[in-house]
């Protein structure tokens, strides 16, 4: 998916427990099915330096929600954007 200000997806930051257990992280997207047959999505992203973070995050949320709901007919109840880094050119 392309979106203005989005550089790419990032691995979720691991806590000390996960690091000690040697658990592998996942890259960028976590989807959870909820009890009401909807889904919640967490995105871990890297954004471009100089962009408005809230504007970019809202654009990503709108695009992901529209795409998922139209391609799968599954309702998206929540999308969280976690900014893991800022990339300078």
Protein backbone atom coordinates (compact mmCIF):
# COMPACT_ATOMS: atom_id res chain seq x y z
CA UNK A 1 0.00 0.00 0.00
CA UNK A 2 1.25 3.46 -0.83
CA UNK A 3 0.36 6.53 1.17
CA UNK A 4 1.91 9.99 1.33
CA UNK A 5 4.46 10.15 4.15
CA UNK A 6 4.61 6.38 4.68
CA UNK A 7 8.13 4.99 4.21
CA UNK A 8 7.34 1.40 5.14
CA UNK A 9 6.35 -1.12 7.76
CA UNK A 10 8.50 -1.84 10.79
CA UNK A 11 9.01 -4.78 13.09
CA UNK A 12 7.08 -4.35 16.32
CA UNK A 13 9.37 -3.22 19.12
CA UNK A 14 10.08 -6.13 21.39
CA UNK A 15 9.98 -5.92 25.13
CA UNK A 16 12.68 -7.46 27.29
CA UNK A 17 10.60 -10.61 27.90
CA UNK A 18 10.24 -11.33 24.17
CA UNK A 19 13.94 -10.68 23.61
CA UNK A 20 14.94 -13.08 26.40
CA UNK A 21 12.56 -15.77 25.14
CA UNK A 22 13.93 -15.40 21.63
CA UNK A 23 10.47 -14.85 20.16
CA UNK A 24 10.41 -13.51 16.64
CA UNK A 25 8.65 -10.25 15.96
CA UNK A 26 6.29 -9.69 13.08
CA UNK A 27 6.65 -7.11 10.40
CA UNK A 28 4.21 -4.28 10.42
CA UNK A 29 0.71 -5.70 10.72
CA UNK A 30 -1.19 -7.42 13.49
CA UNK A 31 -4.83 -8.42 12.90
CA UNK A 32 -7.11 -9.58 15.69
CA UNK A 33 -10.57 -11.06 15.19
CA UNK A 34 -13.02 -9.68 17.75
CA UNK A 35 -16.07 -11.35 19.31
CA UNK A 36 -18.51 -9.29 17.23
CA UNK A 37 -17.07 -10.70 13.96
CA UNK A 38 -15.12 -7.54 13.23
CA UNK A 39 -11.37 -7.09 13.19
CA UNK A 40 -8.91 -4.76 14.87
CA UNK A 41 -5.70 -3.91 13.03
CA UNK A 42 -2.41 -2.62 14.45
CA UNK A 43 0.12 -1.15 12.02
CA UNK A 44 3.76 -0.47 12.90
CA UNK A 45 5.08 2.13 10.48
CA UNK A 46 8.03 4.31 9.59
CA UNK A 47 7.11 7.80 8.40
CA UNK A 48 8.95 10.40 6.35
CA UNK A 49 10.57 13.29 8.23
CA UNK A 50 8.70 16.58 7.83
CA UNK A 51 5.24 15.13 7.31
CA UNK A 52 2.33 15.80 9.63
CA UNK A 53 2.07 12.60 11.67
CA UNK A 54 -1.64 12.84 12.46
CA UNK A 55 -2.54 13.60 8.83
CA UNK A 56 -0.46 10.69 7.53
CA UNK A 57 -1.88 8.34 10.19
CA UNK A 58 -5.47 9.33 9.36
CA UNK A 59 -4.81 8.81 5.63
CA UNK A 60 -3.38 5.34 6.33
CA UNK A 61 -6.36 4.45 8.53
CA UNK A 62 -8.85 5.56 5.85
CA UNK A 63 -7.07 3.66 3.06
CA UNK A 64 -6.61 0.44 5.05
CA UNK A 65 -10.20 0.43 6.30
CA UNK A 66 -11.61 1.09 2.82
CA UNK A 67 -9.40 -1.55 1.18
CA UNK A 68 -10.01 -4.30 3.76
CA UNK A 69 -13.76 -3.78 3.94
CA UNK A 70 -14.19 -3.65 0.15
CA UNK A 71 -11.95 -6.62 -0.61
CA UNK A 72 -13.14 -8.92 2.19
CA UNK A 73 -16.56 -7.65 3.34
CA UNK A 74 -15.22 -7.87 6.91
CA UNK A 75 -15.95 -4.83 9.07
CA UNK A 76 -12.92 -3.11 10.59
CA UNK A 77 -13.78 -1.81 14.06
CA UNK A 78 -10.42 -0.28 14.97
CA UNK A 79 -7.07 0.58 13.41
CA UNK A 80 -4.12 1.66 15.56
CA UNK A 81 -1.06 3.26 13.99
CA UNK A 82 2.20 2.86 15.93
CA UNK A 83 4.99 5.07 14.62
CA UNK A 84 8.22 3.11 15.11
CA UNK A 85 10.51 5.60 13.45
CA UNK A 86 11.02 8.65 11.28
CA UNK A 87 13.23 8.42 8.21
CA UNK A 88 15.28 11.39 7.07
CA UNK A 89 16.15 11.34 3.37
